[in-house]
Amino acid sequence: MREHFAEEQPHLRPLPALRYDAVLTVERRISCEGMVAVAGNYYSVPDTARLRVVEVQHHTHEVRIFEEGQLIARHPVLEGKNRKRIEPGHRKAPPVKRAEMLPATPALPMLQRSLAFYGAVGERLASLNAKGAA
């Protein structure tokens, strides 16, 4: 065994001075709430990045979220499961409700007719039906 080590030793290189940081890289879809699921927990992304697929790097002590190669969020890893971490700067405005998104329709003037008008229309239709049935 010593002879094998003696053969390999000249080819061995020293270890890097920096500690090795293990990282798991995966793709995740951002939820409609602006959250990304990583290892059973949820991490926020900025409001501007919703409904997109992002790259998530899960480091030992930190989660980094990238969109098209740009770092958009960074969070410490949460302990446990089903926990959420929302960075305060990620939520600038409350979500817009669908009714608020619709354009306002101008108020149309309402026609007001007497009930006698509708009675006359009903009588006319009834007489036309009577003629058609005969």
N, C-alpha and C. Protein backbone atom coordinates (compact mmCIF):
# COMPACT_ATOMS: atom_id res chain seq x y z
N MET A 1 0.82 -1.18 0.00
CA MET A 1 0.00 0.00 0.00
C MET A 1 0.87 1.26 0.00
N ARG A 2 1.92 1.27 0.78
CA ARG A 2 2.82 2.41 0.82
C ARG A 2 3.46 2.64 -0.54
N GLU A 3 3.74 1.60 -1.24
CA GLU A 3 4.36 1.75 -2.56
C GLU A 3 3.41 2.41 -3.54
N HIS A 4 2.10 2.11 -3.44
CA HIS A 4 1.11 2.76 -4.32
C HIS A 4 1.02 4.24 -4.01
N PHE A 5 1.00 4.56 -2.72
CA PHE A 5 0.95 5.97 -2.32
C PHE A 5 2.19 6.71 -2.80
N ALA A 6 3.33 6.09 -2.70
CA ALA A 6 4.58 6.71 -3.15
C ALA A 6 4.53 6.99 -4.66
N GLU A 7 3.86 6.13 -5.42
CA GLU A 7 3.70 6.33 -6.87
C GLU A 7 2.76 7.51 -7.16
N GLU A 8 1.67 7.62 -6.40
CA GLU A 8 0.65 8.64 -6.65
C GLU A 8 0.98 10.00 -6.04
N GLN A 9 1.75 10.04 -4.99
CA GLN A 9 2.01 11.27 -4.26
C GLN A 9 2.51 12.42 -5.13
N PRO A 10 3.40 12.22 -6.08
CA PRO A 10 3.85 13.35 -6.90
C PRO A 10 2.73 13.97 -7.74
N HIS A 11 1.66 13.21 -8.00
CA HIS A 11 0.55 13.70 -8.85
C HIS A 11 -0.58 14.34 -8.05
N LEU A 12 -0.53 14.22 -6.74
CA LEU A 12 -1.57 14.79 -5.89
C LEU A 12 -1.39 16.30 -5.76
N ARG A 13 -2.54 17.01 -5.70
CA ARG A 13 -2.52 18.47 -5.52
C ARG A 13 -3.06 18.81 -4.15
N PRO A 14 -2.66 19.97 -3.59
CA PRO A 14 -3.19 20.35 -2.28
C PRO A 14 -4.68 20.70 -2.38
N LEU A 15 -5.37 20.54 -1.28
CA LEU A 15 -6.79 20.89 -1.23
C LEU A 15 -6.95 22.41 -1.34
N PRO A 16 -8.10 22.88 -1.87
CA PRO A 16 -8.31 24.33 -1.95
C PRO A 16 -8.34 24.95 -0.56
N ALA A 17 -7.93 26.20 -0.49
CA ALA A 17 -7.91 26.91 0.79
C ALA A 17 -9.31 27.20 1.29
N LEU A 18 -10.27 27.39 0.35
CA LEU A 18 -11.65 27.70 0.73
C LEU A 18 -12.41 26.41 1.02
N ARG A 19 -13.35 26.52 1.95
CA ARG A 19 -14.20 25.39 2.28
C ARG A 19 -15.11 25.06 1.09
N TYR A 20 -15.33 23.79 0.83
CA TYR A 20 -16.20 23.37 -0.27
C TYR A 20 -17.65 23.61 0.10
N ASP A 21 -18.38 24.27 -0.79
CA ASP A 21 -19.79 24.58 -0.54
C ASP A 21 -20.65 23.71 -1.45
N ALA A 22 -21.25 22.68 -0.90
CA ALA A 22 -22.11 21.80 -1.69
C ALA A 22 -23.36 22.56 -2.09
N VAL A 23 -23.76 22.42 -3.35
CA VAL A 23 -24.94 23.13 -3.84
C VAL A 23 -25.77 22.20 -4.71
N LEU A 24 -27.08 22.27 -4.51
CA LEU A 24 -28.03 21.54 -5.34
C LEU A 24 -28.75 22.58 -6.19
N THR A 25 -28.69 22.43 -7.50
CA THR A 25 -29.34 23.38 -8.40
C THR A 25 -30.54 22.71 -9.06
N VAL A 26 -31.73 23.35 -8.94
CA VAL A 26 -32.97 22.83 -9.51
C VAL A 26 -33.76 23.97 -10.14
N GLU A 27 -34.71 23.61 -11.01
CA GLU A 27 -35.64 24.60 -11.56
C GLU A 27 -36.94 24.52 -10.78
N ARG A 28 -37.53 25.68 -10.50
CA ARG A 28 -38.80 25.74 -9.79
C ARG A 28 -39.69 26.78 -10.44
N ARG A 29 -41.01 26.55 -10.36
CA ARG A 29 -41.99 27.51 -10.85
C ARG A 29 -42.44 28.37 -9.68
N ILE A 30 -42.53 29.66 -9.92
CA ILE A 30 -42.98 30.59 -8.88
C ILE A 30 -44.50 30.48 -8.77
N SER A 31 -45.00 30.36 -7.56
CA SER A 31 -46.44 30.25 -7.34
C SER A 31 -47.11 31.60 -7.56
N CYS A 32 -48.44 31.59 -7.63
CA CYS A 32 -49.17 32.86 -7.82
C CYS A 32 -49.03 33.76 -6.60
N GLU A 33 -48.58 33.21 -5.45
CA GLU A 33 -48.33 34.03 -4.27
C GLU A 33 -46.91 34.60 -4.26
N GLY A 34 -46.13 34.29 -5.30
CA GLY A 34 -44.76 34.79 -5.37
C GLY A 34 -43.79 34.03 -4.50
N MET A 35 -44.02 32.72 -4.35
CA MET A 35 -43.18 31.89 -3.50
C MET A 35 -42.59 30.74 -4.33
N VAL A 36 -41.41 30.27 -3.90
CA VAL A 36 -40.74 29.14 -4.53
C VAL A 36 -40.57 28.06 -3.47
N ALA A 37 -40.95 26.83 -3.80
CA ALA A 37 -40.83 25.71 -2.86
C ALA A 37 -39.44 25.10 -2.98
N VAL A 38 -38.75 25.00 -1.83
CA VAL A 38 -37.42 24.39 -1.77
C VAL A 38 -37.35 23.53 -0.51
N ALA A 39 -37.13 22.24 -0.68
CA ALA A 39 -36.96 21.31 0.44
C ALA A 39 -38.09 21.41 1.47
N GLY A 40 -39.32 21.56 1.02
CA GLY A 40 -40.46 21.58 1.92
C GLY A 40 -40.78 22.93 2.55
N ASN A 41 -40.02 23.97 2.20
CA ASN A 41 -40.28 25.32 2.71
C ASN A 41 -40.51 26.26 1.54
N TYR A 42 -40.98 27.47 1.84
CA TYR A 42 -41.33 28.42 0.79
C TYR A 42 -40.57 29.73 0.97
N TYR A 43 -40.01 30.22 -0.12
CA TYR A 43 -39.20 31.43 -0.10
C TYR A 43 -39.75 32.43 -1.12
N SER A 44 -39.79 33.70 -0.74
CA SER A 44 -40.37 34.73 -1.61
C SER A 44 -39.41 35.16 -2.70
N VAL A 45 -40.00 35.68 -3.77
CA VAL A 45 -39.26 36.34 -4.84
C VAL A 45 -39.91 37.71 -5.04
N PRO A 46 -39.24 38.65 -5.68
CA PRO A 46 -39.86 39.97 -5.90
C PRO A 46 -41.14 39.84 -6.72
N ASP A 47 -42.07 40.77 -6.49
CA ASP A 47 -43.35 40.77 -7.21
C ASP A 47 -43.16 40.77 -8.72
N THR A 48 -42.10 41.35 -9.20
CA THR A 48 -41.88 41.45 -10.65
C THR A 48 -41.53 40.13 -11.29
N ALA A 49 -41.27 39.09 -10.53
CA ALA A 49 -40.83 37.81 -11.08
C ALA A 49 -41.89 36.72 -11.03
N ARG A 50 -43.12 37.04 -10.84
CA ARG A 50 -44.17 36.02 -10.69
C ARG A 50 -44.42 35.22 -11.96
N LEU A 51 -44.86 33.97 -11.74
CA LEU A 51 -45.29 33.04 -12.78
C LEU A 51 -44.21 32.75 -13.80
N ARG A 52 -43.00 32.58 -13.34
CA ARG A 52 -41.89 32.23 -14.22
C ARG A 52 -41.15 31.05 -13.62
N VAL A 53 -40.44 30.35 -14.47
CA VAL A 53 -39.57 29.28 -13.99
C VAL A 53 -38.23 29.90 -13.65
N VAL A 54 -37.69 29.57 -12.48
CA VAL A 54 -36.43 30.14 -12.03
C VAL A 54 -35.47 29.02 -11.66
N GLU A 55 -34.19 29.37 -11.58
CA GLU A 55 -33.18 28.43 -11.12
C GLU A 55 -32.95 28.68 -9.64
N VAL A 56 -32.95 27.60 -8.86
CA VAL A 56 -32.75 27.71 -7.43
C VAL A 56 -31.49 26.95 -7.06
N GLN A 57 -30.60 27.64 -6.35
CA GLN A 57 -29.39 27.00 -5.82
C GLN A 57 -29.58 26.85 -4.32
N HIS A 58 -29.59 25.58 -3.88
CA HIS A 58 -29.78 25.28 -2.46
C HIS A 58 -28.41 24.99 -1.87
N HIS A 59 -27.82 25.98 -1.22
CA HIS A 59 -26.53 25.83 -0.56
C HIS A 59 -26.75 25.32 0.86
N THR A 60 -25.69 25.06 1.57
CA THR A 60 -25.78 24.54 2.93
C THR A 60 -26.55 25.47 3.86
N HIS A 61 -26.26 26.77 3.78
CA HIS A 61 -26.89 27.73 4.70
C HIS A 61 -27.72 28.80 4.00
N GLU A 62 -27.85 28.71 2.68
CA GLU A 62 -28.52 29.78 1.95
C GLU A 62 -29.22 29.24 0.71
N VAL A 63 -30.37 29.86 0.37
CA VAL A 63 -31.09 29.56 -0.87
C VAL A 63 -30.94 30.79 -1.76
N ARG A 64 -30.47 30.57 -2.99
CA ARG A 64 -30.32 31.66 -3.96
C ARG A 64 -31.22 31.37 -5.14
N ILE A 65 -31.97 32.39 -5.57
CA ILE A 65 -32.92 32.23 -6.67
C ILE A 65 -32.49 33.14 -7.81
N PHE A 66 -32.37 32.53 -9.00
CA PHE A 66 -31.91 33.24 -10.19
C PHE A 66 -32.99 33.22 -11.26
N GLU A 67 -33.14 34.34 -11.94
CA GLU A 67 -34.03 34.43 -13.10
C GLU A 67 -33.18 34.87 -14.28
N GLU A 68 -33.11 34.02 -15.28
CA GLU A 68 -32.30 34.28 -16.47
C GLU A 68 -30.88 34.68 -16.10
N GLY A 69 -30.29 33.96 -15.14
CA GLY A 69 -28.91 34.19 -14.74
C GLY A 69 -28.69 35.31 -13.74
N GLN A 70 -29.73 36.09 -13.44
CA GLN A 70 -29.61 37.20 -12.49
C GLN A 70 -30.12 36.76 -11.12
N LEU A 71 -29.34 37.06 -10.08
CA LEU A 71 -29.76 36.76 -8.71
C LEU A 71 -30.91 37.69 -8.34
N ILE A 72 -32.10 37.12 -8.03
CA ILE A 72 -33.26 37.96 -7.68
C ILE A 72 -33.66 37.83 -6.22
N ALA A 73 -33.19 36.75 -5.55
CA ALA A 73 -33.54 36.57 -4.13
C ALA A 73 -32.50 35.70 -3.45
N ARG A 74 -32.32 35.98 -2.17
CA ARG A 74 -31.38 35.20 -1.36
C ARG A 74 -31.97 35.11 0.04
N HIS A 75 -32.04 33.89 0.58
CA HIS A 75 -32.65 33.64 1.89
C HIS A 75 -31.79 32.68 2.69
N PRO A 76 -31.78 32.81 4.02
CA PRO A 76 -31.17 31.76 4.83
C PRO A 76 -32.06 30.52 4.77
N VAL A 77 -31.46 29.34 4.84
CA VAL A 77 -32.22 28.10 4.80
C VAL A 77 -33.09 28.00 6.06
N LEU A 78 -34.37 27.70 5.87
CA LEU A 78 -35.30 27.54 7.00
C LEU A 78 -35.18 26.13 7.57
N GLU A 79 -35.28 26.01 8.87
CA GLU A 79 -35.27 24.71 9.54
C GLU A 79 -36.70 24.17 9.54
N GLY A 80 -36.86 22.88 9.45
CA GLY A 80 -38.18 22.26 9.51
C GLY A 80 -38.85 22.23 8.14
N LYS A 81 -40.18 22.06 8.16
CA LYS A 81 -40.97 21.96 6.93
C LYS A 81 -42.17 22.89 7.00
N ASN A 82 -42.70 23.23 5.81
CA ASN A 82 -43.89 24.06 5.65
C ASN A 82 -43.75 25.44 6.30
N ARG A 83 -42.54 25.97 6.30
CA ARG A 83 -42.32 27.31 6.81
C ARG A 83 -42.17 28.25 5.63
N LYS A 84 -42.50 29.52 5.86
CA LYS A 84 -42.42 30.53 4.80
C LYS A 84 -41.49 31.66 5.23
N ARG A 85 -40.74 32.17 4.26
CA ARG A 85 -39.91 33.35 4.52
C ARG A 85 -40.18 34.36 3.42
N ILE A 86 -40.71 35.51 3.81
CA ILE A 86 -41.01 36.59 2.86
C ILE A 86 -40.10 37.76 3.15
N GLU A 87 -39.28 38.08 2.19
CA GLU A 87 -38.40 39.25 2.30
C GLU A 87 -39.27 40.49 2.18
N PRO A 88 -39.21 41.44 3.13
CA PRO A 88 -40.09 42.61 3.09
C PRO A 88 -40.01 43.41 1.78
N GLY A 89 -38.85 43.51 1.20
CA GLY A 89 -38.72 44.26 -0.05
C GLY A 89 -39.34 43.58 -1.26
N HIS A 90 -39.74 42.32 -1.11
CA HIS A 90 -40.35 41.60 -2.23
C HIS A 90 -41.82 41.94 -2.42
N ARG A 91 -42.46 42.51 -1.43
CA ARG A 91 -43.88 42.83 -1.51
C ARG A 91 -44.05 44.34 -1.43
N LYS A 92 -44.07 44.97 -2.59
CA LYS A 92 -44.16 46.43 -2.64
C LYS A 92 -45.60 46.92 -2.61
N ALA A 93 -46.50 46.22 -3.25
CA ALA A 93 -47.90 46.66 -3.32
C ALA A 93 -48.80 45.47 -3.05
N PRO A 94 -49.98 45.72 -2.48
CA PRO A 94 -50.91 44.61 -2.28
C PRO A 94 -51.37 44.06 -3.63
N PRO A 95 -51.72 42.79 -3.70
CA PRO A 95 -52.14 42.22 -4.98
C PRO A 95 -53.40 42.92 -5.51
N VAL A 96 -53.45 43.08 -6.81
CA VAL A 96 -54.59 43.74 -7.45
C VAL A 96 -55.70 42.73 -7.63
N LYS A 97 -56.90 43.10 -7.24
CA LYS A 97 -58.05 42.21 -7.40
C LYS A 97 -58.52 42.28 -8.84
N ARG A 98 -59.11 41.20 -9.30
CA ARG A 98 -59.55 41.12 -10.70
C ARG A 98 -60.52 42.24 -11.06
N ALA A 99 -61.42 42.59 -10.17
CA ALA A 99 -62.40 43.66 -10.46
C ALA A 99 -61.69 44.99 -10.69
N GLU A 100 -60.58 45.20 -9.99
CA GLU A 100 -59.84 46.45 -10.16
C GLU A 100 -59.08 46.47 -11.47
N MET A 101 -58.80 45.28 -12.03
CA MET A 101 -58.06 45.21 -13.28
C MET A 101 -58.94 45.53 -14.48
N LEU A 102 -60.25 45.33 -14.35
CA LEU A 102 -61.16 45.59 -15.47
C LEU A 102 -61.31 47.08 -15.69
N PRO A 103 -61.38 47.51 -16.96
CA PRO A 103 -61.56 48.94 -17.21
C PRO A 103 -62.95 49.37 -16.75
N ALA A 104 -63.04 50.56 -16.24
CA ALA A 104 -64.32 51.08 -15.78
C ALA A 104 -65.17 51.42 -17.00
N THR A 105 -66.41 50.97 -17.00
CA THR A 105 -67.30 51.27 -18.13
C THR A 105 -68.04 52.56 -17.81
N PRO A 106 -68.14 53.43 -18.80
CA PRO A 106 -68.87 54.68 -18.54
C PRO A 106 -70.34 54.37 -18.27
N ALA A 107 -70.93 55.12 -17.39
CA ALA A 107 -72.34 54.90 -17.05
C ALA A 107 -73.21 55.31 -18.23
N LEU A 108 -74.03 54.37 -18.68
CA LEU A 108 -74.95 54.65 -19.79
C LEU A 108 -76.24 55.22 -19.22
N PRO A 109 -76.86 56.18 -19.94
CA PRO A 109 -78.13 56.70 -19.42
C PRO A 109 -79.19 55.60 -19.46
N MET A 110 -79.96 55.51 -18.41
CA MET A 110 -81.00 54.50 -18.31
C MET A 110 -82.28 55.05 -18.91
N LEU A 111 -82.86 54.24 -19.80
CA LEU A 111 -84.15 54.63 -20.36
C LEU A 111 -85.24 54.28 -19.36
N GLN A 112 -86.14 55.20 -19.17
CA GLN A 112 -87.25 54.94 -18.26
C GLN A 112 -88.53 54.95 -19.07
N ARG A 113 -89.26 53.86 -19.01
CA ARG A 113 -90.53 53.74 -19.73
C ARG A 113 -91.61 53.37 -18.72
N SER A 114 -92.79 53.76 -19.05
CA SER A 114 -93.90 53.41 -18.16
C SER A 114 -94.25 51.94 -18.35
N LEU A 115 -94.94 51.39 -17.37
CA LEU A 115 -95.38 50.01 -17.47
C LEU A 115 -96.39 49.81 -18.59
N ALA A 116 -97.06 50.87 -18.98
CA ALA A 116 -98.05 50.77 -20.06
C ALA A 116 -97.35 50.39 -21.37
N PHE A 117 -96.13 50.89 -21.57
CA PHE A 117 -95.37 50.56 -22.78
C PHE A 117 -95.15 49.05 -22.85
N TYR A 118 -94.72 48.45 -21.74
CA TYR A 118 -94.45 47.01 -21.72
C TYR A 118 -95.74 46.20 -21.86
N GLY A 119 -96.83 46.73 -21.34
CA GLY A 119 -98.13 46.07 -21.53
C GLY A 119 -98.51 46.05 -22.99
N ALA A 120 -98.25 47.15 -23.69
CA ALA A 120 -98.58 47.23 -25.12
C ALA A 120 -97.72 46.25 -25.92
N VAL A 121 -96.45 46.15 -25.57
CA VAL A 121 -95.55 45.21 -26.26
C VAL A 121 -96.05 43.79 -26.05
N GLY A 122 -96.45 43.46 -24.85
CA GLY A 122 -96.96 42.12 -24.56
C GLY A 122 -98.21 41.80 -25.35
N GLU A 123 -99.13 42.78 -25.45
CA GLU A 123 -100.36 42.56 -26.22
C GLU A 123 -100.04 42.36 -27.70
N ARG A 124 -99.11 43.13 -28.23
CA ARG A 124 -98.73 43.01 -29.65
C ARG A 124 -98.14 41.63 -29.93
N LEU A 125 -97.25 41.16 -29.06
CA LEU A 125 -96.65 39.83 -29.25
C LEU A 125 -97.71 38.74 -29.15
N ALA A 126 -98.64 38.91 -28.21
CA ALA A 126 -99.70 37.92 -28.06
C ALA A 126 -100.57 37.86 -29.30
N SER A 127 -100.86 39.01 -29.90
CA SER A 127 -101.70 39.00 -31.10
C SER A 127 -100.96 38.40 -32.29
N LEU A 128 -99.65 38.63 -32.38
CA LEU A 128 -98.88 38.02 -33.47
C LEU A 128 -98.81 36.51 -33.32
N ASN A 129 -98.66 36.03 -32.08
CA ASN A 129 -98.65 34.57 -31.82
C ASN A 129 -99.99 33.95 -32.15
N ALA A 130 -101.07 34.68 -31.85
CA ALA A 130 -102.43 34.16 -32.12
C ALA A 130 -102.64 34.03 -33.62
N LYS A 131 -102.17 35.01 -34.40
CA LYS A 131 -102.30 34.96 -35.87
C LYS A 131 -101.46 33.83 -36.44
N GLY A 132 -100.25 33.59 -35.88
CA GLY A 132 -99.37 32.55 -36.39
C GLY A 132 -99.90 31.16 -36.06
N ALA A 133 -100.65 31.02 -34.98
CA ALA A 133 -101.17 29.71 -34.56
C ALA A 133 -102.41 29.35 -35.36
N ALA A 134 -103.10 30.33 -35.91
CA ALA A 134 -104.36 30.05 -36.62
C ALA A 134 -104.15 29.51 -38.00
